PDB file of N, CA and C in Angstrom:
ATOM      1  N   MET A   1     -16.915  -3.834  -4.264  1.00  0.00           N
ATOM      2  CA  MET A   1     -17.274  -3.746  -2.861  1.00  0.00           C
ATOM      3  C   MET A   1     -16.042  -4.067  -2.020  1.00  0.00           C
ATOM      4  N   CYS A   2     -15.858  -3.360  -0.933  1.00  0.00           N
ATOM      5  CA  CYS A   2     -14.714  -3.544  -0.051  1.00  0.00           C
ATOM      6  C   CYS A   2     -14.938  -4.724   0.881  1.00  0.00           C
ATOM      7  N   GLY A   3     -13.855  -5.446   1.175  1.00  0.00           N
ATOM      8  CA  GLY A   3     -13.938  -6.558   2.099  1.00  0.00           C
ATOM      9  C   GLY A   3     -13.868  -6.118   3.550  1.00  0.00           C
ATOM     10  N   THR A   4     -13.132  -5.044   3.816  1.00  0.00           N
ATOM     11  CA  THR A   4     -12.979  -4.538   5.180  1.00  0.00           C
ATOM     12  C   THR A   4     -13.035  -3.024   5.159  1.00  0.00           C
ATOM     13  N   THR A   5     -13.221  -2.435   6.327  1.00  0.00           N
ATOM     14  CA  THR A   5     -13.207  -0.971   6.421  1.00  0.00           C
ATOM     15  C   THR A   5     -11.862  -0.424   5.978  1.00  0.00           C
ATOM     16  N   GLN A   6     -10.757  -1.077   6.410  1.00  0.00           N
ATOM     17  CA  GLN A   6      -9.431  -0.600   6.025  1.00  0.00           C
ATOM     18  C   GLN A   6      -9.251  -0.664   4.519  1.00  0.00           C
ATOM     19  N   GLN A   7      -9.742  -1.738   3.906  1.00  0.00           N
ATOM     20  CA  GLN A   7      -9.620  -1.875   2.466  1.00  0.00           C
ATOM     21  C   GLN A   7     -10.363  -0.738   1.774  1.00  0.00           C
ATOM     22  N   CYS A   8     -11.529  -0.372   2.272  1.00  0.00           N
ATOM     23  CA  CYS A   8     -12.289   0.749   1.711  1.00  0.00           C
ATOM     24  C   CYS A   8     -11.526   2.054   1.872  1.00  0.00           C
ATOM     25  N   GLU A   9     -10.932   2.265   3.052  1.00  0.00           N
ATOM     26  CA  GLU A   9     -10.184   3.501   3.298  1.00  0.00           C
ATOM     27  C   GLU A   9      -8.984   3.603   2.368  1.00  0.00           C
ATOM     28  N   TRP A  10      -8.191   2.522   2.240  1.00  0.00           N
ATOM     29  CA  TRP A  10      -7.027   2.561   1.351  1.00  0.00           C
ATOM     30  C   TRP A  10      -7.481   2.745  -0.088  1.00  0.00           C
ATOM     31  N   GLY A  11      -8.561   2.095  -0.476  1.00  0.00           N
ATOM     32  CA  GLY A  11      -9.077   2.259  -1.829  1.00  0.00           C
ATOM     33  C   GLY A  11      -9.507   3.689  -2.096  1.00  0.00           C
ATOM     34  N   ALA A  12     -10.129   4.321  -1.104  1.00  0.00           N
ATOM     35  CA  ALA A  12     -10.558   5.716  -1.254  1.00  0.00           C
ATOM     36  C   ALA A  12      -9.362   6.637  -1.406  1.00  0.00           C
ATOM     37  N   ILE A  13      -8.300   6.374  -0.647  1.00  0.00           N
ATOM     38  CA  ILE A  13      -7.085   7.190  -0.754  1.00  0.00           C
ATOM     39  C   ILE A  13      -6.480   7.037  -2.140  1.00  0.00           C
ATOM     40  N   ALA A  14      -6.341   5.807  -2.614  1.00  0.00           N
ATOM     41  CA  ALA A  14      -5.777   5.571  -3.942  1.00  0.00           C
ATOM     42  C   ALA A  14      -6.673   6.189  -5.012  1.00  0.00           C
ATOM     43  N   TYR A  15      -8.001   6.044  -4.884  1.00  0.00           N
ATOM     44  CA  TYR A  15      -8.932   6.614  -5.850  1.00  0.00           C
ATOM     45  C   TYR A  15      -8.783   8.134  -5.902  1.00  0.00           C
ATOM     46  N   THR A  16      -8.716   8.771  -4.736  1.00  0.00           N
ATOM     47  CA  THR A  16      -8.562  10.226  -4.681  1.00  0.00           C
ATOM     48  C   THR A  16      -7.274  10.653  -5.360  1.00  0.00           C
ATOM     49  N   PHE A  17      -6.181   9.950  -5.059  1.00  0.00           N
ATOM     50  CA  PHE A  17      -4.891  10.301  -5.644  1.00  0.00           C
ATOM     51  C   PHE A  17      -4.928  10.199  -7.162  1.00  0.00           C
ATOM     52  N   PHE A  18      -5.447   9.105  -7.685  1.00  0.00           N
ATOM     53  CA  PHE A  18      -5.385   8.870  -9.117  1.00  0.00           C
ATOM     54  C   PHE A  18      -6.485   9.571  -9.906  1.00  0.00           C
ATOM     55  N   THR A  19      -7.503  10.112  -9.252  1.00  0.00           N
ATOM     56  CA  THR A  19      -8.563  10.805  -9.979  1.00  0.00           C
ATOM     57  C   THR A  19      -8.569  12.310  -9.740  1.00  0.00           C
ATOM     58  N   ASN A  20      -7.784  12.790  -8.798  1.00  0.00           N
ATOM     59  CA  ASN A  20      -7.709  14.218  -8.522  1.00  0.00           C
ATOM     60  C   ASN A  20      -6.488  14.782  -9.240  1.00  0.00           C
ATOM     61  N   PRO A  21      -6.674  15.438 -10.392  1.00  0.00           N
ATOM     62  CA  PRO A  21      -5.537  15.910 -11.181  1.00  0.00           C
ATOM     63  C   PRO A  21      -4.603  16.842 -10.414  1.00  0.00           C
ATOM     64  N   LYS A  22      -5.157  17.738  -9.596  1.00  0.00           N
ATOM     65  CA  LYS A  22      -4.294  18.664  -8.855  1.00  0.00           C
ATOM     66  C   LYS A  22      -3.416  17.928  -7.858  1.00  0.00           C
ATOM     67  N   MET A  23      -4.002  16.980  -7.144  1.00  0.00           N
ATOM     68  CA  MET A  23      -3.241  16.220  -6.159  1.00  0.00           C
ATOM     69  C   MET A  23      -2.145  15.411  -6.842  1.00  0.00           C
ATOM     70  N   LYS A  24      -2.502  14.729  -7.910  1.00  0.00           N
ATOM     71  CA  LYS A  24      -1.533  13.904  -8.628  1.00  0.00           C
ATOM     72  C   LYS A  24      -0.433  14.773  -9.228  1.00  0.00           C
ATOM     73  N   GLU A  25      -0.806  15.905  -9.827  1.00  0.00           N
ATOM     74  CA  GLU A  25       0.174  16.797 -10.436  1.00  0.00           C
ATOM     75  C   GLU A  25       1.154  17.332  -9.398  1.00  0.00           C
ATOM     76  N   GLU A  26       0.647  17.745  -8.253  1.00  0.00           N
ATOM     77  CA  GLU A  26       1.502  18.285  -7.200  1.00  0.00           C
ATOM     78  C   GLU A  26       2.455  17.223  -6.665  1.00  0.00           C
ATOM     79  N   MET A  27       1.954  16.005  -6.493  1.00  0.00           N
ATOM     80  CA  MET A  27       2.788  14.925  -5.965  1.00  0.00           C
ATOM     81  C   MET A  27       3.886  14.529  -6.947  1.00  0.00           C
ATOM     82  N   MET A  28       3.604  14.596  -8.238  1.00  0.00           N
ATOM     83  CA  MET A  28       4.546  14.085  -9.224  1.00  0.00           C
ATOM     84  C   MET A  28       5.206  15.186 -10.050  1.00  0.00           C
ATOM     85  N   LYS A  29       5.044  16.416  -9.674  1.00  0.00           N
ATOM     86  CA  LYS A  29       5.564  17.535 -10.444  1.00  0.00           C
ATOM     87  C   LYS A  29       7.083  17.451 -10.565  1.00  0.00           C
ATOM     88  N   ASP A  30       7.540  17.397 -11.799  1.00  0.00           N
ATOM     89  CA  ASP A  30       8.971  17.391 -12.097  1.00  0.00           C
ATOM     90  C   ASP A  30       9.742  16.281 -11.400  1.00  0.00           C
ATOM     91  N   HIS A  31       9.109  15.174 -11.120  1.00  0.00           N
ATOM     92  CA  HIS A  31       9.788  14.041 -10.501  1.00  0.00           C
ATOM     93  C   HIS A  31       9.605  12.811 -11.378  1.00  0.00           C
ATOM     94  N   VAL A  32      10.507  11.876 -11.214  1.00  0.00           N
ATOM     95  CA  VAL A  32      10.391  10.580 -11.873  1.00  0.00           C
ATOM     96  C   VAL A  32      10.338   9.530 -10.777  1.00  0.00           C
ATOM     97  N   TYR A  33       9.412   8.591 -10.913  1.00  0.00           N
ATOM     98  CA  TYR A  33       9.229   7.555  -9.907  1.00  0.00           C
ATOM     99  C   TYR A  33       9.434   6.174 -10.512  1.00  0.00           C
ATOM    100  N   LYS A  34       9.992   5.294  -9.718  1.00  0.00           N
ATOM    101  CA  LYS A  34      10.063   3.874 -10.053  1.00  0.00           C
ATOM    102  C   LYS A  34       9.040   3.181  -9.167  1.00  0.00           C
ATOM    103  N   GLN A  35       8.288   2.247  -9.729  1.00  0.00           N
ATOM    104  CA  GLN A  35       7.307   1.494  -8.947  1.00  0.00           C
ATOM    105  C   GLN A  35       7.833   0.090  -8.687  1.00  0.00           C
ATOM    106  N   ILE A  36       7.672  -0.346  -7.453  1.00  0.00           N
ATOM    107  CA  ILE A  36       7.988  -1.727  -7.112  1.00  0.00           C
ATOM    108  C   ILE A  36       6.765  -2.331  -6.432  1.00  0.00           C
ATOM    109  N   GLU A  37       6.699  -3.636  -6.437  1.00  0.00           N
ATOM    110  CA  GLU A  37       5.578  -4.315  -5.791  1.00  0.00           C
ATOM    111  C   GLU A  37       6.100  -5.078  -4.579  1.00  0.00           C
ATOM    112  N   LEU A  38       5.421  -4.918  -3.458  1.00  0.00           N
ATOM    113  CA  LEU A  38       5.792  -5.577  -2.208  1.00  0.00           C
ATOM    114  C   LEU A  38       4.567  -6.274  -1.634  1.00  0.00           C
ATOM    115  N   THR A  39       4.792  -7.344  -0.891  1.00  0.00           N
ATOM    116  CA  THR A  39       3.713  -7.992  -0.149  1.00  0.00           C
ATOM    117  C   THR A  39       4.138  -8.101   1.301  1.00  0.00           C
ATOM    118  N   GLY A  40       3.387  -7.433   2.172  1.00  0.00           N
ATOM    119  CA  GLY A  40       3.642  -7.500   3.608  1.00  0.00           C
ATOM    120  C   GLY A  40       2.665  -8.458   4.248  1.00  0.00           C
ATOM    121  N   SER A  41       3.062  -9.007   5.392  1.00  0.00           N
ATOM    122  CA  SER A  41       2.163  -9.925   6.085  1.00  0.00           C
ATOM    123  C   SER A  41       2.132  -9.604   7.572  1.00  0.00           C
ATOM    124  N   SER A  42       1.043  -9.998   8.213  1.00  0.00           N
ATOM    125  CA  SER A  42       0.869  -9.731   9.638  1.00  0.00           C
ATOM    126  C   SER A  42      -0.206 -10.642  10.206  1.00  0.00           C
ATOM    127  N   GLU A  43      -0.060 -10.980  11.464  1.00  0.00           N
ATOM    128  CA  GLU A  43      -1.108 -11.712  12.171  1.00  0.00           C
ATOM    129  C   GLU A  43      -2.094 -10.746  12.823  1.00  0.00           C
ATOM    130  N   LYS A  44      -1.770  -9.429  12.828  1.00  0.00           N
ATOM    131  CA  LYS A  44      -2.608  -8.433  13.507  1.00  0.00           C
ATOM    132  C   LYS A  44      -3.704  -7.862  12.609  1.00  0.00           C
ATOM    133  N   SER A  45      -3.290  -7.275  11.453  1.00  0.00           N
ATOM    134  CA  SER A  45      -4.265  -6.570  10.612  1.00  0.00           C
ATOM    135  C   SER A  45      -3.686  -6.302   9.228  1.00  0.00           C
ATOM    136  N   SER A  46      -4.549  -5.885   8.316  1.00  0.00           N
ATOM    137  CA  SER A  46      -4.079  -5.501   6.986  1.00  0.00           C
ATOM    138  C   SER A  46      -3.229  -4.235   7.070  1.00  0.00           C
ATOM    139  N   ASP A  47      -3.597  -3.295   7.934  1.00  0.00           N
ATOM    140  CA  ASP A  47      -2.784  -2.087   8.123  1.00  0.00           C
ATOM    141  C   ASP A  47      -1.381  -2.441   8.589  1.00  0.00           C
ATOM    142  N   ASP A  48      -1.285  -3.374   9.517  1.00  0.00           N
ATOM    143  CA  ASP A  48       0.021  -3.783  10.029  1.00  0.00           C
ATOM    144  C   ASP A  48       0.842  -4.467   8.936  1.00  0.00           C
ATOM    145  N   ALA A  49       0.191  -5.204   8.054  1.00  0.00           N
ATOM    146  CA  ALA A  49       0.891  -5.834   6.932  1.00  0.00           C
ATOM    147  C   ALA A  49       1.488  -4.773   6.009  1.00  0.00           C
ATOM    148  N   ILE A  50       0.750  -3.689   5.764  1.00  0.00           N
ATOM    149  CA  ILE A  50       1.253  -2.581   4.944  1.00  0.00           C
ATOM    150  C   ILE A  50       2.444  -1.931   5.632  1.00  0.00           C
ATOM    151  N   ARG A  51       2.294  -1.635   6.913  1.00  0.00           N
ATOM    152  CA  ARG A  51       3.383  -1.002   7.663  1.00  0.00           C
ATOM    153  C   ARG A  51       4.634  -1.886   7.687  1.00  0.00           C
ATOM    154  N   THR A  52       4.447  -3.190   7.814  1.00  0.00           N
ATOM    155  CA  THR A  52       5.571  -4.129   7.810  1.00  0.00           C
ATOM    156  C   THR A  52       6.320  -4.070   6.482  1.00  0.00           C
ATOM    157  N   ALA A  53       5.590  -4.087   5.376  1.00  0.00           N
ATOM    158  CA  ALA A  53       6.219  -4.033   4.051  1.00  0.00           C
ATOM    159  C   ALA A  53       7.002  -2.743   3.865  1.00  0.00           C
ATOM    160  N   ILE A  54       6.407  -1.612   4.237  1.00  0.00           N
ATOM    161  CA  ILE A  54       7.073  -0.323   4.058  1.00  0.00           C
ATOM    162  C   ILE A  54       8.269  -0.190   4.994  1.00  0.00           C
ATOM    163  N   ALA A  55       8.131  -0.624   6.238  1.00  0.00           N
ATOM    164  CA  ALA A  55       9.239  -0.534   7.201  1.00  0.00           C
ATOM    165  C   ALA A  55      10.429  -1.369   6.738  1.00  0.00           C
ATOM    166  N   LYS A  56      10.165  -2.570   6.268  1.00  0.00           N
ATOM    167  CA  LYS A  56      11.253  -3.450   5.811  1.00  0.00           C
ATOM    168  C   LYS A  56      11.912  -2.870   4.561  1.00  0.00           C
ATOM    169  N   ALA A  57      11.104  -2.374   3.616  1.00  0.00           N
ATOM    170  CA  ALA A  57      11.646  -1.803   2.382  1.00  0.00           C
ATOM    171  C   ALA A  57      12.471  -0.555   2.661  1.00  0.00           C
ATOM    172  N   SER A  58      12.048   0.248   3.631  1.00  0.00           N
ATOM    173  CA  SER A  58      12.752   1.505   3.911  1.00  0.00           C
ATOM    174  C   SER A  58      14.141   1.278   4.505  1.00  0.00           C
ATOM    175  N   LYS A  59      14.437   0.061   4.942  1.00  0.00           N
ATOM    176  CA  LYS A  59      15.777  -0.240   5.460  1.00  0.00           C
ATOM    177  C   LYS A  59      16.816  -0.317   4.346  1.00  0.00           C
ATOM    178  N   THR A  60      16.384  -0.658   3.136  1.00  0.00           N
ATOM    179  CA  THR A  60      17.335  -0.804   2.032  1.00  0.00           C
ATOM    180  C   THR A  60      17.035   0.097   0.837  1.00  0.00           C
ATOM    181  N   LEU A  61      15.878   0.733   0.811  1.00  0.00           N
ATOM    182  CA  LEU A  61      15.495   1.602  -0.305  1.00  0.00           C
ATOM    183  C   LEU A  61      15.345   3.033   0.180  1.00  0.00           C
ATOM    184  N   ARG A  62      15.646   3.983  -0.704  1.00  0.00           N
ATOM    185  CA  ARG A  62      15.513   5.400  -0.360  1.00  0.00           C
ATOM    186  C   ARG A  62      14.366   6.028  -1.141  1.00  0.00           C
ATOM    187  N   ASN A  63      13.929   7.168  -0.643  1.00  0.00           N
ATOM    188  CA  ASN A  63      12.953   8.017  -1.346  1.00  0.00           C
ATOM    189  C   ASN A  63      11.603   7.349  -1.581  1.00  0.00           C
ATOM    190  N   LEU A  64      11.137   6.567  -0.611  1.00  0.00           N
ATOM    191  CA  LEU A  64       9.785   6.015  -0.710  1.00  0.00           C
ATOM    192  C   LEU A  64       8.802   7.171  -0.537  1.00  0.00           C
ATOM    193  N   HIS A  65       7.858   7.325  -1.484  1.00  0.00           N
ATOM    194  CA  HIS A  65       6.970   8.487  -1.438  1.00  0.00           C
ATOM    195  C   HIS A  65       5.491   8.159  -1.367  1.00  0.00           C
ATOM    196  N   TRP A  66       5.042   7.072  -1.939  1.00  0.00           N
ATOM    197  CA  TRP A  66       3.615   6.759  -1.928  1.00  0.00           C
ATOM    198  C   TRP A  66       3.428   5.256  -2.095  1.00  0.00           C
ATOM    199  N   PHE A  67       2.227   4.811  -1.794  1.00  0.00           N
ATOM    200  CA  PHE A  67       1.889   3.413  -2.041  1.00  0.00           C
ATOM    201  C   PHE A  67       0.429   3.312  -2.449  1.00  0.00           C
ATOM    202  N   GLU A  68       0.128   2.198  -3.112  1.00  0.00           N
ATOM    203  CA  GLU A  68      -1.240   1.894  -3.543  1.00  0.00           C
ATOM    204  C   GLU A  68      -1.501   0.421  -3.236  1.00  0.00           C
ATOM    205  N   VAL A  69      -2.577   0.127  -2.536  1.00  0.00           N
ATOM    206  CA  VAL A  69      -2.937  -1.257  -2.235  1.00  0.00           C
ATOM    207  C   VAL A  69      -3.512  -1.895  -3.497  1.00  0.00           C
ATOM    208  N   THR A  70      -2.931  -3.021  -3.907  1.00  0.00           N
ATOM    209  CA  THR A  70      -3.413  -3.699  -5.109  1.00  0.00           C
ATOM    210  C   THR A  70      -4.123  -5.012  -4.806  1.00  0.00           C
ATOM    211  N   GLU A  71      -3.829  -5.601  -3.642  1.00  0.00           N
ATOM    212  CA  GLU A  71      -4.474  -6.875  -3.309  1.00  0.00           C
ATOM    213  C   GLU A  71      -4.436  -7.094  -1.798  1.00  0.00           C
ATOM    214  N   THR A  72      -5.517  -7.613  -1.267  1.00  0.00           N
ATOM    215  CA  THR A  72      -5.593  -7.980   0.148  1.00  0.00           C
ATOM    216  C   THR A  72      -6.115  -9.404   0.232  1.00  0.00           C
ATOM    217  N   ARG A  73      -5.433 -10.216   1.001  1.00  0.00           N
ATOM    218  CA  ARG A  73      -5.894 -11.585   1.195  1.00  0.00           C
ATOM    219  C   ARG A  73      -5.522 -12.037   2.602  1.00  0.00           C
ATOM    220  N   GLY A  74      -6.101 -13.129   3.038  1.00  0.00           N
ATOM    221  CA  GLY A  74      -5.823 -13.611   4.382  1.00  0.00           C
ATOM    222  C   GLY A  74      -5.993 -15.106   4.496  1.00  0.00           C
ATOM    223  N   HIS A  75      -5.663 -15.589   5.666  1.00  0.00           N
ATOM    224  CA  HIS A  75      -5.760 -17.016   5.969  1.00  0.00           C
ATOM    225  C   HIS A  75      -6.755 -17.187   7.112  1.00  0.00           C
ATOM    226  N   ILE A  76      -7.636 -18.171   6.978  1.00  0.00           N
ATOM    227  CA  ILE A  76      -8.683 -18.415   7.974  1.00  0.00           C
ATOM    228  C   ILE A  76      -8.448 -19.773   8.628  1.00  0.00           C
ATOM    229  N   GLU A  77      -8.527 -19.798   9.949  1.00  0.00           N
ATOM    230  CA  GLU A  77      -8.486 -21.049  10.710  1.00  0.00           C
ATOM    231  C   GLU A  77      -9.592 -21.009  11.751  1.00  0.00           C
ATOM    232  N   ASP A  78     -10.335 -22.089  11.871  1.00  0.00           N
ATOM    233  CA  ASP A  78     -11.425 -22.176  12.848  1.00  0.00           C
ATOM    234  C   ASP A  78     -12.365 -20.973  12.766  1.00  0.00           C
ATOM    235  N   ASP A  79     -12.718 -20.603  11.542  1.00  0.00           N
ATOM    236  CA  ASP A  79     -13.654 -19.501  11.282  1.00  0.00           C
ATOM    237  C   ASP A  79     -13.147 -18.134  11.723  1.00  0.00           C
ATOM    238  N   LYS A  80     -11.832 -17.970  11.878  1.00  0.00           N
ATOM    239  CA  LYS A  80     -11.261 -16.678  12.277  1.00  0.00           C
ATOM    240  C   LYS A  80     -10.094 -16.327  11.364  1.00  0.00           C
ATOM    241  N   VAL A  81      -9.958 -15.026  11.091  1.00  0.00           N
ATOM    242  CA  VAL A  81      -8.809 -14.552  10.318  1.00  0.00           C
ATOM    243  C   VAL A  81      -7.584 -14.642  11.218  1.00  0.00           C
ATOM    244  N   VAL A  82      -6.571 -15.367  10.750  1.00  0.00           N
ATOM    245  CA  VAL A  82      -5.366 -15.539  11.563  1.00  0.00           C
ATOM    246  C   VAL A  82      -4.133 -14.915  10.923  1.00  0.00           C
ATOM    247  N   HIS A  83      -4.253 -14.499   9.664  1.00  0.00           N
ATOM    248  CA  HIS A  83      -3.085 -13.934   8.989  1.00  0.00           C
ATOM    249  C   HIS A  83      -3.534 -13.079   7.813  1.00  0.00           C
ATOM    250  N   TRP A  84      -2.872 -11.940   7.633  1.00  0.00           N
ATOM    251  CA  TRP A  84      -3.166 -11.018   6.533  1.00  0.00           C
ATOM    252  C   TRP A  84      -1.965 -10.936   5.611  1.00  0.00           C
ATOM    253  N   GLN A  85      -2.213 -10.788   4.309  1.00  0.00           N
ATOM    254  CA  GLN A  85      -1.189 -10.457   3.325  1.00  0.00           C
ATOM    255  C   GLN A  85      -1.743  -9.324   2.471  1.00  0.00           C
ATOM    256  N   VAL A  86      -0.948  -8.274   2.308  1.00  0.00           N
ATOM    257  CA  VAL A  86      -1.370  -7.128   1.505  1.00  0.00           C
ATOM    258  C   VAL A  86      -0.273  -6.819   0.493  1.00  0.00           C
ATOM    259  N   THR A  87      -0.650  -6.776  -0.776  1.00  0.00           N
ATOM    260  CA  THR A  87       0.290  -6.426  -1.838  1.00  0.00           C
ATOM    261  C   THR A  87       0.089  -4.956  -2.174  1.00  0.00           C
ATOM    262  N   ILE A  88       1.210  -4.241  -2.256  1.00  0.00           N
ATOM    263  CA  ILE A  88       1.170  -2.808  -2.541  1.00  0.00           C
ATOM    264  C   ILE A  88       2.162  -2.464  -3.648  1.00  0.00           C
ATOM    265  N   LYS A  89       1.838  -1.425  -4.404  1.00  0.00           N
ATOM    266  CA  LYS A  89       2.799  -0.794  -5.301  1.00  0.00           C
ATOM    267  C   LYS A  89       3.378   0.370  -4.521  1.00  0.00           C
ATOM    268  N   VAL A  90       4.687   0.524  -4.561  1.00  0.00           N
ATOM    269  CA  VAL A  90       5.354   1.611  -3.850  1.00  0.00           C
ATOM    270  C   VAL A  90       6.082   2.464  -4.876  1.00  0.00           C
ATOM    271  N   GLY A  91       5.939   3.777  -4.754  1.00  0.00           N
ATOM    272  CA  GLY A  91       6.623   4.706  -5.639  1.00  0.00           C
ATOM    273  C   GLY A  91       7.879   5.240  -4.979  1.00  0.00           C
ATOM    274  N   LEU A  92       9.024   5.059  -5.656  1.00  0.00           N
ATOM    275  CA  LEU A  92      10.305   5.580  -5.183  1.00  0.00           C
ATOM    276  C   LEU A  92      10.712   6.709  -6.113  1.00  0.00           C
ATOM    277  N   ARG A  93      10.995   7.856  -5.561  1.00  0.00           N
ATOM    278  CA  ARG A  93      11.410   8.982  -6.399  1.00  0.00           C
ATOM    279  C   ARG A  93      12.865   8.792  -6.807  1.00  0.00           C
ATOM    280  N   ILE A  94      13.118   8.904  -8.100  1.00  0.00           N
ATOM    281  CA  ILE A  94      14.472   8.790  -8.633  1.00  0.00           C
ATOM    282  C   ILE A  94      15.178  10.129  -8.438  1.00  0.00           C
ATOM    283  N   GLU A  95      16.389  10.071  -7.919  1.00  0.00           N
ATOM    284  CA  GLU A  95      17.158  11.313  -7.660  1.00  0.00           C
ATOM    285  C   GLU A  95      17.721  11.884  -8.938  1.00  0.00           C
TER     286      GLU A  95
END
């Protein structure tokens, strides 16, 4: 079960990618990818945490092509979510 709507949406995207042979084949056709794991954080949202991780990684890494959300967690204060952390796998295409 999804914890948030965004978590469900990202899970659906990852599920579609990894279970749709045509989509996966087209994305990875004749390419080699390296996977790295990143954790982004944000006080705004889980989506913003993902964007933060990818934006920071893209400053020093090339050929970022896809990502998969592997973990979502947050910090609660006074019964409110005050901070998000999202761990993602990122695929970098090897030249």
